[in-house]
């Protein structure tokens, strides 16, 4: 397809790159190669810079985590020293508590003995008091008897006086009166003796009770200082207990601080470890980017200058055969075939670049080959010599393969035409500008790993491209992949199943499930994106979302917008 002249109105950052596609000399192909190589080097530098910034950020994060670990360690050390001091104070206070408890126990035992003695004395006093009560009761009874005798003596005296007055000299009545008086006198005497006896008992009981009371007073005199001692010890123990409780609470706080400090140290250590791993991963990624982009930078040149096999049309083909090399015969299978060579899958054998061997293919014949490279795809072999009959069979087989691939190629071309139409329409409506479509300026999206990118045309792509690629996934057979890739391998959109939001810290999962807004930096991806041929099929290794790697055949149809190469529609099927 002939290149169109760039519009005069093209401006902005990428206008230089756009203008570079114009014929500037008698060798426009050389100019294009130089321009593309220059652009690739610039893009490589920027992408490496993005990776370096990520790596430096992880290193900075690691250093910050180490600083936090140091600070947390110092706090933990200080808290540990304070906790040791509190523990020593608590041990001293606990010793005082134990000593106080011992003294209180001993004093309590002494007080208990005294209390037992006091209880005995109190029993004696109680018994004395009961005897005293009985003596008082007897005295009361004696007093009543004496009072009765007195009353009766008084009556008798009165009666005797009356009788004496009446009888005159007749004194017989006095006899009975005298007897009665005598009896009363005896009763009065007996009562007096009883009273005297009871008074003696009362005196004895009173004396005994006085002694008991004195003993009780003495016992209480002994108990009182003991109680004061116990009170003092109890007060001291209360103070020590409060101090111990305070120290225990302080110790608990310090223990919590130490525990929290240890947890912070562990967490900072974990963060530092993760940051170190991330920094190492970022460094490894940067090295991988350098390696891949070193290969990317040569893709354009290799497409133009590589040997005979690259000049020949390569078609995916699975043919079984054998390779004879250094006296060994190894079973092989072709992945693609051209008039100039083949891509071989070989489970065994020692393949050295430059080695020569003989390839025997079923339905083709015997061909001398030289190993020109070994990659993750397989062994790249160049045909050295073929018999005319073998050459005709190869040509016939390639023609048949081309016919088989043509329907799939038409599917890819249909997608390319739809994408070109969408972008031409966006330009006509002013919805997007040419320098936003034809660009190598990609802005990394923060906090994405692998890095996702935005361009000024991303919103346009997200509005129009899904309607182009998603119907492919409803076809039978369903393709493994259907994407629109710009000329630098940038996939602005992808099918929803491969456009899931990234998960923090899950780089491998993100790589498999978040493929939109990514620059696919494998050289095979770039070769597909840079294709300018209307019929182009390539073998590709694709890692699926379940982690399995499959070999697919990518049908690539170029997309041109106003004469500028935008990229390719890539549709891949299992081989």
Protein backbone atom coordinates (compact mmCIF):
# COMPACT_ATOMS: atom_id res chain seq x y z
CA UNK A 1 0.00 0.00 0.00
CA UNK A 2 1.46 3.36 -1.04
CA UNK A 3 2.15 5.89 1.72
CA UNK A 4 0.10 9.13 1.63
CA UNK A 5 1.63 12.54 2.18
CA UNK A 6 1.22 13.84 5.75
CA UNK A 7 -1.27 16.72 6.13
CA UNK A 8 0.29 20.16 6.41
CA UNK A 9 -1.72 20.85 9.61
CA UNK A 10 -0.05 18.10 11.69
CA UNK A 11 1.44 19.74 14.80
CA UNK A 12 2.29 19.12 18.51
CA UNK A 13 4.91 16.88 20.05
CA UNK A 14 4.65 14.07 17.53
CA UNK A 15 4.49 16.25 14.45
CA UNK A 16 8.20 15.61 13.91
CA UNK A 17 7.59 11.87 13.96
CA UNK A 18 4.63 12.26 11.62
CA UNK A 19 6.53 14.50 9.26
CA UNK A 20 9.39 11.99 9.22
CA UNK A 21 7.13 9.60 7.30
CA UNK A 22 7.20 11.94 4.27
CA UNK A 23 9.63 11.11 1.49
CA UNK A 24 12.70 13.19 2.37
CA UNK A 25 15.31 11.74 -0.01
CA UNK A 26 15.83 9.40 -2.87
CA UNK A 27 15.84 6.53 -0.37
CA UNK A 28 12.61 6.91 1.59
CA UNK A 29 12.94 3.38 2.97
CA UNK A 30 16.24 4.28 4.63
CA UNK A 31 14.76 7.49 6.00
CA UNK A 32 11.81 5.55 7.38
CA UNK A 33 14.14 3.01 8.98
CA UNK A 34 16.23 5.73 10.63
CA UNK A 35 13.15 7.58 11.84
CA UNK A 36 11.59 4.42 13.23
CA UNK A 37 14.83 3.36 14.90
CA UNK A 38 15.18 6.82 16.46
CA UNK A 39 11.62 6.66 17.72
CA UNK A 40 12.15 3.17 19.13
CA UNK A 41 15.27 4.27 20.97
CA UNK A 42 13.40 7.25 22.43
CA UNK A 43 10.50 5.06 23.49
CA UNK A 44 12.90 2.52 24.97
CA UNK A 45 14.62 5.24 27.00
CA UNK A 46 11.28 6.50 28.32
CA UNK A 47 10.03 3.04 29.24
CA UNK A 48 13.32 2.22 30.95
CA UNK A 49 13.01 5.55 32.74
CA UNK A 50 9.53 4.60 33.95
CA UNK A 51 10.84 1.27 35.24
CA UNK A 52 13.82 3.03 36.86
CA UNK A 53 11.48 5.47 38.60
CA UNK A 54 9.44 2.55 39.92
CA UNK A 55 12.61 0.82 41.12
CA UNK A 56 13.84 4.03 42.79
CA UNK A 57 10.46 4.49 44.45
CA UNK A 58 10.69 0.99 45.86
CA UNK A 59 14.23 1.65 47.07
CA UNK A 60 13.06 4.88 48.72
CA UNK A 61 10.17 3.01 50.28
CA UNK A 62 12.60 0.40 51.54
CA UNK A 63 14.86 3.04 53.06
CA UNK A 64 11.89 4.74 54.72
CA UNK A 65 10.80 1.39 56.14
CA UNK A 66 14.31 0.79 57.50
CA UNK A 67 14.24 4.25 59.14
CA UNK A 68 10.88 3.44 60.70
CA UNK A 69 12.30 0.16 61.96
CA UNK A 70 15.20 2.01 63.59
CA UNK A 71 12.83 4.48 65.25
CA UNK A 72 10.50 1.73 66.42
CA UNK A 73 13.48 -0.24 67.73
CA UNK A 74 14.68 2.77 69.74
CA UNK A 75 11.20 3.23 71.21
CA UNK A 76 10.98 -0.46 71.99
CA UNK A 77 14.41 -0.36 73.69
CA UNK A 78 13.41 2.66 75.79
CA UNK A 79 10.11 1.08 76.72
CA UNK A 80 11.88 -2.16 77.58
CA UNK A 81 14.30 -0.33 79.92
CA UNK A 82 11.42 1.48 81.59
CA UNK A 83 9.52 -1.77 81.93
CA UNK A 84 12.60 -3.33 83.60
CA UNK A 85 12.74 -0.44 86.07
CA UNK A 86 9.04 -0.75 86.82
CA UNK A 87 9.43 -4.48 87.27
CA UNK A 88 12.23 -3.93 89.83
CA UNK A 89 10.09 -1.40 91.75
CA UNK A 90 7.18 -3.77 91.61
CA UNK A 91 9.35 -6.57 93.03
CA UNK A 92 10.45 -4.34 95.94
CA UNK A 93 6.88 -3.31 96.68
CA UNK A 94 5.74 -6.90 96.49
CA UNK A 95 8.45 -7.82 99.05
CA UNK A 96 7.13 -5.15 101.38
CA UNK A 97 3.62 -6.43 100.89
CA UNK A 98 4.71 -9.94 101.77
CA UNK A 99 6.55 -8.71 104.92
CA UNK A 100 3.51 -6.68 106.00
CA UNK A 101 1.26 -9.63 105.42
CA UNK A 102 3.58 -11.79 107.57
CA UNK A 103 3.59 -9.26 110.45
CA UNK A 104 -0.17 -8.84 110.20
CA UNK A 105 -0.57 -12.62 110.37
CA UNK A 106 1.69 -12.86 113.46
CA UNK A 107 -0.04 -9.93 115.19
CA UNK A 108 -3.39 -11.40 114.34
CA UNK A 109 -2.38 -14.71 115.91
CA UNK A 110 -1.34 -12.93 119.15
CA UNK A 111 -4.55 -10.94 119.16
CA UNK A 112 -6.49 -14.14 118.65
CA UNK A 113 -4.84 -15.72 121.74
CA UNK A 114 -5.62 -12.66 123.81
CA UNK A 115 -9.17 -12.74 122.53
CA UNK A 116 -9.47 -16.35 123.64
CA UNK A 117 -8.24 -15.39 127.15
CA UNK A 118 -10.68 -12.48 127.20
CA UNK A 119 -13.50 -14.85 126.27
CA UNK A 120 -12.54 -17.09 129.30
CA UNK A 121 -12.45 -14.14 131.68
CA UNK A 122 -15.74 -12.92 130.32
CA UNK A 123 -17.25 -16.35 131.08
CA UNK A 124 -15.95 -16.11 134.68
CA UNK A 125 -17.43 -12.64 135.01
CA UNK A 126 -20.72 -13.91 133.67
CA UNK A 127 -20.79 -16.73 136.20
CA UNK A 128 -19.94 -14.27 139.03
CA UNK A 129 -22.69 -11.98 137.92
CA UNK A 130 -25.19 -14.82 137.95
CA UNK A 131 -24.08 -15.71 141.57
CA UNK A 132 -24.43 -12.08 142.51
CA UNK A 133 -27.92 -12.00 141.09
CA UNK A 134 -28.84 -15.08 143.10
CA UNK A 135 -27.40 -13.55 146.33
CA UNK A 136 -29.32 -10.39 145.76
CA UNK A 137 -32.47 -12.42 145.24
CA UNK A 138 -31.88 -14.30 148.54
CA UNK A 139 -31.27 -11.01 150.38
CA UNK A 140 -34.48 -9.68 148.99
CA UNK A 141 -36.29 -12.76 150.28
CA UNK A 142 -34.64 -12.42 153.72
CA UNK A 143 -35.62 -8.81 153.82
CA UNK A 144 -39.21 -9.78 153.09
CA UNK A 145 -39.12 -12.32 155.94
CA UNK A 146 -37.75 -9.78 158.39
CA UNK A 147 -40.38 -7.31 157.27
CA UNK A 148 -43.08 -9.92 157.80
CA UNK A 149 -41.69 -10.78 161.25
CA UNK A 150 -41.71 -7.17 162.19
CA UNK A 151 -45.28 -6.77 161.11
CA UNK A 152 -46.39 -9.81 163.04
CA UNK A 153 -44.36 -8.78 166.11
CA UNK A 154 -46.09 -5.45 166.00
CA UNK A 155 -49.49 -7.13 165.81
CA UNK A 156 -48.64 -9.40 168.69
CA UNK A 157 -47.49 -6.53 170.72
CA UNK A 158 -50.77 -4.80 170.17
CA UNK A 159 -52.69 -7.95 171.04
CA UNK A 160 -50.59 -8.45 174.18
CA UNK A 161 -51.36 -4.92 175.31
CA UNK A 162 -55.03 -5.45 174.79
CA UNK A 163 -55.01 -8.73 176.68
CA UNK A 164 -53.12 -7.26 179.55
CA UNK A 165 -55.61 -4.48 179.82
CA UNK A 166 -58.53 -6.83 179.73
CA UNK A 167 -57.29 -9.52 182.05
CA UNK A 168 -55.78 -7.50 184.60
CA UNK A 169 -54.23 -10.01 186.89
CA UNK A 170 -55.33 -12.82 184.77
CA UNK A 171 -52.27 -13.35 182.58
CA UNK A 172 -53.08 -16.51 180.76
CA UNK A 173 -53.23 -14.80 177.47
CA UNK A 174 -49.71 -13.67 177.83
CA UNK A 175 -48.49 -17.18 177.57
CA UNK A 176 -49.60 -17.59 173.99
CA UNK A 177 -48.35 -14.14 173.17
CA UNK A 178 -44.98 -14.94 174.61
CA UNK A 179 -44.75 -18.09 172.52
CA UNK A 180 -45.61 -16.21 169.44
CA UNK A 181 -43.11 -13.51 170.21
CA UNK A 182 -40.51 -16.19 170.79
CA UNK A 183 -41.18 -17.78 167.47
CA UNK A 184 -40.99 -14.49 165.77
CA UNK A 185 -37.75 -13.70 167.46
CA UNK A 186 -36.32 -17.00 166.21
CA UNK A 187 -37.52 -16.28 162.73
CA UNK A 188 -36.02 -12.81 162.86
CA UNK A 189 -32.71 -14.24 164.06
CA UNK A 190 -32.69 -16.84 161.28
CA UNK A 191 -33.44 -14.21 158.72
CA UNK A 192 -30.65 -12.05 160.03
CA UNK A 193 -28.21 -14.91 159.80
CA UNK A 194 -29.32 -15.69 156.24
CA UNK A 195 -28.91 -12.09 155.28
CA UNK A 196 -25.44 -11.96 156.73
CA UNK A 197 -24.49 -15.14 154.89
CA UNK A 198 -25.81 -13.83 151.61
CA UNK A 199 -24.00 -10.57 152.09
CA UNK A 200 -20.75 -12.52 152.49
CA UNK A 201 -21.40 -14.36 149.25
CA UNK A 202 -22.21 -11.08 147.59
CA UNK A 203 -18.93 -9.61 148.81
CA UNK A 204 -17.03 -12.63 147.48
CA UNK A 205 -18.76 -12.48 144.12
CA UNK A 206 -18.14 -8.76 143.89
CA UNK A 207 -14.48 -9.26 144.66
CA UNK A 208 -14.20 -11.99 142.03
CA UNK A 209 -15.98 -9.85 139.46
CA UNK A 210 -13.64 -6.96 140.23
CA UNK A 211 -10.67 -9.18 139.63
CA UNK A 212 -12.18 -10.43 136.35
CA UNK A 213 -12.97 -6.89 135.29
CA UNK A 214 -9.37 -5.91 135.98
CA UNK A 215 -8.16 -8.87 133.89
CA UNK A 216 -10.50 -7.88 131.06
CA UNK A 217 -9.24 -4.29 131.24
CA UNK A 218 -5.66 -5.56 131.12
CA UNK A 219 -6.45 -7.80 128.12
CA UNK A 220 -8.08 -4.96 126.28
CA UNK A 221 -5.02 -2.89 127.11
CA UNK A 222 -2.94 -5.54 125.35
CA UNK A 223 -5.32 -5.82 122.38
CA UNK A 224 -5.42 -2.08 121.74
CA UNK A 225 -1.75 -1.69 120.61
CA UNK A 226 -2.10 -4.86 118.57
CA UNK A 227 -5.11 -3.39 116.84
CA UNK A 228 -3.19 -0.17 116.24
CA UNK A 229 -0.30 -2.21 114.79
CA UNK A 230 -2.67 -4.14 112.58
CA UNK A 231 -4.29 -0.87 111.47
CA UNK A 232 -0.92 0.68 110.70
CA UNK A 233 0.21 -2.40 108.79
CA UNK A 234 -3.09 -2.55 106.96
CA UNK A 235 -2.75 1.13 105.98
CA UNK A 236 0.81 0.53 104.81
CA UNK A 237 -0.30 -2.55 102.94
CA UNK A 238 -3.11 -0.53 101.34
CA UNK A 239 -0.58 2.08 100.20
CA UNK A 240 1.78 -0.61 98.92
CA UNK A 241 -1.09 -2.37 97.21
CA UNK A 242 -2.11 0.89 95.50
CA UNK A 243 1.51 1.48 94.51
CA UNK A 244 1.80 -2.09 93.23
CA UNK A 245 -1.43 -1.67 91.28
CA UNK A 246 -0.13 1.58 89.78
CA UNK A 247 3.17 -0.07 88.94
CA UNK A 248 1.35 -3.04 87.49
CA UNK A 249 -0.76 -0.72 85.32
CA UNK A 250 2.36 1.18 84.27
CA UNK A 251 4.10 -2.11 83.58
CA UNK A 252 1.12 -3.22 81.53
CA UNK A 253 1.28 0.03 79.57
CA UNK A 254 4.98 -0.40 78.97
CA UNK A 255 4.42 -4.02 78.04
CA UNK A 256 1.75 -2.87 75.58
CA UNK A 257 4.16 -0.24 74.24
CA UNK A 258 6.87 -2.88 73.85
CA UNK A 259 4.41 -5.24 72.19
CA UNK A 260 3.16 -2.47 69.92
CA UNK A 261 6.74 -1.48 69.15
CA UNK A 262 7.59 -5.07 68.33
CA UNK A 263 4.52 -5.30 66.11
CA UNK A 264 5.52 -2.06 64.38
CA UNK A 265 9.05 -3.35 63.90
CA UNK A 266 7.65 -6.57 62.43
CA UNK A 267 5.29 -4.63 60.16
CA UNK A 268 8.01 -2.24 59.04
CA UNK A 269 10.29 -5.22 58.46
CA UNK A 270 7.57 -6.83 56.36
CA UNK A 271 7.10 -3.62 54.38
CA UNK A 272 10.85 -3.30 53.97
CA UNK A 273 11.06 -6.91 52.84
CA UNK A 274 8.26 -6.37 50.35
CA UNK A 275 9.85 -3.13 49.19
CA UNK A 276 13.17 -4.91 48.76
CA UNK A 277 11.45 -7.67 46.78
CA UNK A 278 9.60 -5.06 44.74
CA UNK A 279 12.83 -3.15 44.15
CA UNK A 280 14.54 -6.35 43.06
CA UNK A 281 11.56 -7.18 40.85
CA UNK A 282 11.58 -3.66 39.42
CA UNK A 283 15.30 -3.94 38.74
CA UNK A 284 14.73 -7.30 37.09
CA UNK A 285 11.88 -5.83 35.11
CA UNK A 286 14.08 -2.95 34.03
CA UNK A 287 16.73 -5.42 32.89
CA UNK A 288 14.04 -7.37 31.02
CA UNK A 289 12.78 -4.16 29.43
CA UNK A 290 16.31 -3.35 28.30
CA UNK A 291 16.63 -6.83 26.84
CA UNK A 292 13.23 -6.77 25.15
CA UNK A 293 13.57 -3.25 23.82
CA UNK A 294 17.03 -4.02 22.57
CA UNK A 295 15.30 -6.68 20.49
CA UNK A 296 12.44 -4.29 19.64
CA UNK A 297 14.90 -1.72 18.35
CA UNK A 298 16.21 -4.22 15.83
CA UNK A 299 12.85 -5.60 14.69
CA UNK A 300 12.37 -2.99 12.01
CA UNK A 301 15.88 -3.49 10.67
CA UNK A 302 15.60 -7.26 10.83
CA UNK A 303 12.34 -7.12 8.91
CA UNK A 304 14.12 -5.21 6.18
CA UNK A 305 17.50 -6.92 6.03
CA UNK A 306 17.19 -10.46 7.35
CA UNK A 307 18.11 -13.43 5.16
CA UNK A 308 16.24 -15.38 2.54
CA UNK A 309 13.71 -16.89 4.94
CA UNK A 310 12.49 -13.48 6.07
CA UNK A 311 12.02 -12.42 2.46
CA UNK A 312 9.77 -15.39 1.93
CA UNK A 313 6.20 -15.59 3.07
CA UNK A 314 5.96 -17.59 6.31
CA UNK A 315 2.82 -19.58 7.02
CA UNK A 316 1.90 -21.55 10.15
CA UNK A 317 2.08 -25.26 9.41
CA UNK A 318 2.28 -28.34 11.59
CA UNK A 319 4.32 -30.96 9.75
CA UNK A 320 5.98 -33.96 11.40
CA UNK A 321 9.46 -35.13 10.52
CA UNK A 322 13.00 -35.83 11.72
CA UNK A 323 16.33 -34.06 11.91
CA UNK A 324 19.59 -35.92 11.35
CA UNK A 325 22.51 -34.17 13.00
CA UNK A 326 25.87 -35.45 14.27
CA UNK A 327 24.78 -39.06 13.92
CA UNK A 328 21.57 -38.50 15.91
CA UNK A 329 17.99 -38.56 14.67
CA UNK A 330 15.53 -36.32 16.51
CA UNK A 331 11.78 -36.12 16.00
CA UNK A 332 10.60 -32.59 15.15
CA UNK A 333 7.46 -30.70 14.25
CA UNK A 334 7.24 -27.51 12.20
CA UNK A 335 5.37 -24.50 13.53
CA UNK A 336 5.70 -22.44 10.37
CA UNK A 337 7.12 -22.91 6.89
CA UNK A 338 8.43 -20.76 4.03
CA UNK A 339 10.45 -21.29 0.86
CA UNK A 340 13.48 -20.15 2.78
CA UNK A 341 13.20 -22.11 6.03
CA UNK A 342 11.11 -23.39 8.91
CA UNK A 343 10.47 -22.93 12.63
CA UNK A 344 10.97 -26.27 14.36
CA UNK A 345 9.72 -27.51 17.71
CA UNK A 346 12.12 -30.08 19.07
CA UNK A 347 11.82 -31.71 22.49
CA UNK A 348 15.45 -32.88 22.39
CA UNK A 349 18.71 -32.38 20.61
CA UNK A 350 21.57 -29.94 21.03
CA UNK A 351 20.94 -26.94 18.85
CA UNK A 352 23.82 -24.58 18.23
CA UNK A 353 23.58 -21.53 16.02
CA UNK A 354 25.38 -22.24 12.78
CA UNK A 355 25.05 -26.02 13.05
CA UNK A 356 24.03 -27.85 9.88
CA UNK A 357 21.69 -30.84 9.64
CA UNK A 358 19.28 -32.64 7.35
CA UNK A 359 15.53 -32.15 7.75
CA UNK A 360 13.18 -34.89 6.58
CA UNK A 361 9.56 -33.73 6.34
CA UNK A 362 6.61 -35.96 5.53
CA UNK A 363 5.03 -35.03 2.18
CA UNK A 364 7.98 -32.71 1.38
CA UNK A 365 11.23 -34.63 1.30
CA UNK A 366 14.81 -34.15 2.49
CA UNK A 367 16.27 -30.63 2.92
CA UNK A 368 19.68 -29.46 4.13
CA UNK A 369 19.31 -26.78 6.86
CA UNK A 370 21.43 -24.49 9.00
CA UNK A 371 20.40 -23.34 12.49
CA UNK A 372 20.21 -19.53 12.40
CA UNK A 373 18.76 -19.04 15.88
CA UNK A 374 17.14 -20.59 18.92
CA UNK A 375 14.35 -18.73 20.78
CA UNK A 376 11.43 -19.43 23.08
CA UNK A 377 9.46 -20.22 19.93
CA UNK A 378 11.80 -23.01 18.86
CA UNK A 379 14.68 -23.61 16.44
CA UNK A 380 14.92 -21.25 13.48
CA UNK A 381 16.25 -23.17 10.48
CA UNK A 382 17.28 -21.86 7.06
CA UNK A 383 17.00 -24.08 4.00
CA UNK A 384 20.36 -24.50 2.25
CA UNK A 385 19.54 -26.69 -0.70
CA UNK A 386 16.52 -28.53 -2.02
CA UNK A 387 15.95 -30.83 -4.92
CA UNK A 388 13.68 -29.35 -7.59
CA UNK A 389 11.01 -31.89 -6.76
CA UNK A 390 11.18 -30.97 -3.05
CA UNK A 391 10.99 -27.28 -3.95
CA UNK A 392 7.84 -27.86 -6.01
CA UNK A 393 6.26 -29.78 -3.15
CA UNK A 394 7.08 -26.91 -0.75
CA UNK A 395 5.51 -24.39 -3.15
CA UNK A 396 2.40 -26.52 -3.52
CA UNK A 397 2.11 -26.91 0.21
CA UNK A 398 2.51 -23.16 0.79
CA UNK A 399 -0.20 -22.41 -1.79
CA UNK A 400 -2.53 -24.82 -0.02
CA UNK A 401 -1.71 -23.29 3.36
CA UNK A 402 -2.32 -19.79 2.03
CA UNK A 403 -5.78 -20.81 0.84
CA UNK A 404 -6.49 -22.29 4.28
CA UNK A 405 -5.35 -19.10 6.03
CA UNK A 406 -7.14 -16.64 3.76
CA UNK A 407 -10.57 -16.77 5.52
CA UNK A 408 -8.90 -15.95 8.84
CA UNK A 409 -6.89 -13.20 7.19
CA UNK A 410 -10.11 -11.66 5.88
CA UNK A 411 -11.43 -11.56 9.46
CA UNK A 412 -8.40 -9.56 10.53
CA UNK A 413 -8.68 -7.21 7.55
CA UNK A 414 -12.32 -6.55 8.38
CA UNK A 415 -11.34 -5.45 11.88
CA UNK A 416 -8.55 -3.28 10.48
CA UNK A 417 -10.96 -1.61 8.06
CA UNK A 418 -13.44 -0.94 10.87
CA UNK A 419 -10.74 0.58 13.08
CA UNK A 420 -9.45 2.79 10.26
CA UNK A 421 -12.99 3.94 9.54
CA UNK A 422 -13.59 4.76 13.22
CA UNK A 423 -10.39 6.82 13.46
CA UNK A 424 -10.98 8.59 10.15
CA UNK A 425 -14.47 9.47 11.38
CA UNK A 426 -13.11 10.74 14.71
CA UNK A 427 -10.65 12.96 12.84
CA UNK A 428 -13.38 14.31 10.58
CA UNK A 429 -15.60 15.15 13.56
CA UNK A 430 -12.76 16.72 15.53
CA UNK A 431 -13.25 14.07 18.23
CA UNK A 432 -9.55 13.18 18.09
CA UNK A 433 -6.42 14.62 16.46
CA UNK A 434 -3.90 12.89 14.24
CA UNK A 435 -0.97 13.60 16.56
CA UNK A 436 -2.95 11.91 19.36
CA UNK A 437 -3.35 8.77 17.24
CA UNK A 438 0.12 8.61 15.70
CA UNK A 439 2.25 8.96 18.83
CA UNK A 440 4.92 7.43 20.99
CA UNK A 441 4.00 9.50 24.06
CA UNK A 442 2.59 7.22 26.73
CA UNK A 443 1.95 8.43 30.29
CA UNK A 444 2.38 5.74 32.96
CA UNK A 445 -0.61 5.25 35.26
CA UNK A 446 0.47 5.46 38.92
CA UNK A 447 0.25 2.40 41.16
CA UNK A 448 0.05 -0.09 38.28
CA UNK A 449 2.30 -3.14 37.98
CA UNK A 450 2.95 -4.10 35.21
CA UNK A 451 2.77 -0.48 34.14
CA UNK A 452 -0.36 0.61 32.30
CA UNK A 453 -0.31 3.73 30.12
CA UNK A 454 -2.61 6.47 28.98
CA UNK A 455 -2.49 8.48 25.80
CA UNK A 456 -4.43 11.55 24.75
CA UNK A 457 -6.52 9.32 22.49
CA UNK A 458 -7.36 6.71 25.16
CA UNK A 459 -10.90 7.95 25.79
CA UNK A 460 -11.56 7.84 22.03
CA UNK A 461 -10.26 4.28 21.83
CA UNK A 462 -12.38 3.21 24.80
CA UNK A 463 -15.51 4.61 23.14
CA UNK A 464 -15.02 3.01 19.73
CA UNK A 465 -12.73 -0.03 19.84
CA UNK A 466 -14.79 -2.41 22.04
CA UNK A 467 -17.51 -2.56 19.38
CA UNK A 468 -14.86 -3.72 16.92
CA UNK A 469 -13.04 -6.41 18.93
CA UNK A 470 -15.72 -7.91 21.19
CA UNK A 471 -17.77 -9.57 18.38
CA UNK A 472 -14.70 -11.68 17.53
CA UNK A 473 -15.00 -13.48 20.86
CA UNK A 474 -18.48 -14.67 19.89
CA UNK A 475 -17.21 -16.44 16.75
CA UNK A 476 -16.87 -20.20 16.32
CA UNK A 477 -14.15 -21.18 16.66
CA UNK A 478 -13.45 -18.46 19.20
CA UNK A 479 -10.10 -16.77 18.71
CA UNK A 480 -7.57 -16.83 21.53
CA UNK A 481 -7.02 -13.11 21.10
CA UNK A 482 -8.49 -10.23 19.08
CA UNK A 483 -6.89 -6.84 19.68
CA UNK A 484 -6.11 -3.54 18.05
CA UNK A 485 -2.43 -2.75 18.66
CA UNK A 486 -0.75 0.48 17.67
CA UNK A 487 2.62 0.40 15.93
CA UNK A 488 4.48 0.33 19.28
CA UNK A 489 2.57 -2.63 20.68
CA UNK A 490 0.20 -0.47 22.79
CA UNK A 491 -3.20 -2.09 23.47
CA UNK A 492 -5.55 0.70 24.53
CA UNK A 493 -8.48 -1.68 25.04
CA UNK A 494 -8.97 -5.42 25.36
CA UNK A 495 -11.84 -7.82 25.91
CA UNK A 496 -13.49 -7.32 29.33
CA UNK A 497 -12.21 -10.68 30.58
CA UNK A 498 -8.66 -9.38 30.06
CA UNK A 499 -9.39 -5.85 31.31
CA UNK A 500 -9.92 -6.54 34.98
CA UNK A 501 -8.80 -3.91 37.54
CA UNK A 502 -5.29 -4.55 38.77
CA UNK A 503 -4.76 -6.01 42.23
CA UNK A 504 -2.12 -4.37 44.40
CA UNK A 505 0.96 -6.53 44.81
CA UNK A 506 -0.27 -9.21 42.35
CA UNK A 507 2.04 -8.51 39.43
CA UNK A 508 1.74 -11.91 37.76
CA UNK A 509 -2.06 -11.96 38.09
CA UNK A 510 -2.20 -8.42 36.69
CA UNK A 511 0.01 -9.44 33.78
CA UNK A 512 -2.46 -12.15 32.79
CA UNK A 513 -5.77 -10.44 33.56
CA UNK A 514 -5.17 -6.69 33.12
CA UNK A 515 -3.83 -6.48 29.56
CA UNK A 516 -5.57 -3.31 28.47
CA UNK A 517 -3.61 -0.02 28.38
CA UNK A 518 -0.38 -2.02 28.21
CA UNK A 519 2.63 -1.85 25.91
CA UNK A 520 3.33 -5.43 24.92
CA UNK A 521 7.09 -5.35 24.71
CA UNK A 522 7.85 -8.79 23.33
CA UNK A 523 9.54 -8.59 19.97
CA UNK A 524 6.88 -10.84 18.44
CA UNK A 525 4.21 -8.34 19.54
CA UNK A 526 6.15 -5.47 18.00
CA UNK A 527 6.70 -7.40 14.78
CA UNK A 528 2.95 -8.00 14.56
CA UNK A 529 2.20 -4.35 15.33
CA UNK A 530 4.71 -3.10 12.72
CA UNK A 531 3.39 -5.33 9.93
CA UNK A 532 2.54 -3.50 6.69
CA UNK A 533 1.59 -6.50 4.56
CA UNK A 534 -2.01 -7.23 3.69
CA UNK A 535 -1.37 -10.94 4.25
CA UNK A 536 0.68 -11.62 7.36
CA UNK A 537 0.54 -14.60 9.72
CA UNK A 538 2.92 -15.15 12.63
CA UNK A 539 3.51 -17.79 15.26
CA UNK A 540 3.19 -16.44 18.79
CA UNK A 541 3.52 -17.81 22.32
CA UNK A 542 0.72 -16.53 24.54
CA UNK A 543 0.40 -17.03 28.29
CA UNK A 544 -3.27 -17.50 29.18
CA UNK A 545 -5.05 -16.21 32.29
CA UNK A 546 -4.83 -19.71 33.81
CA UNK A 547 -1.02 -19.59 33.50
CA UNK A 548 -0.74 -22.01 30.58
CA UNK A 549 1.31 -21.06 27.52
CA UNK A 550 -0.14 -21.90 24.13
CA UNK A 551 1.17 -21.57 20.59
CA UNK A 552 -1.16 -19.48 18.45
CA UNK A 553 -1.17 -18.17 14.91
CA UNK A 554 -1.67 -14.40 14.73
CA UNK A 555 -3.32 -12.91 11.66
CA UNK A 556 -2.17 -9.30 11.33
CA UNK A 557 -3.85 -6.69 9.15
CA UNK A 558 -2.26 -3.23 8.96
CA UNK A 559 -4.24 -0.08 9.77
CA UNK A 560 -3.49 3.21 8.01
CA UNK A 561 -4.96 6.55 9.03
CA UNK A 562 -4.56 9.39 6.53
CA UNK A 563 -1.62 7.55 5.04
CA UNK A 564 0.17 6.96 8.34
CA UNK A 565 0.69 3.51 9.75
CA UNK A 566 -1.27 3.34 13.03
CA UNK A 567 -0.78 -0.36 13.82
CA UNK A 568 -2.52 -3.70 13.23
CA UNK A 569 -5.65 -5.66 13.88
CA UNK A 570 -4.38 -8.93 15.38
CA UNK A 571 -6.59 -12.01 15.55
CA UNK A 572 -5.04 -15.18 16.97
CA UNK A 573 -6.24 -18.79 16.87
CA UNK A 574 -4.77 -21.96 18.34
CA UNK A 575 -2.49 -23.70 15.90
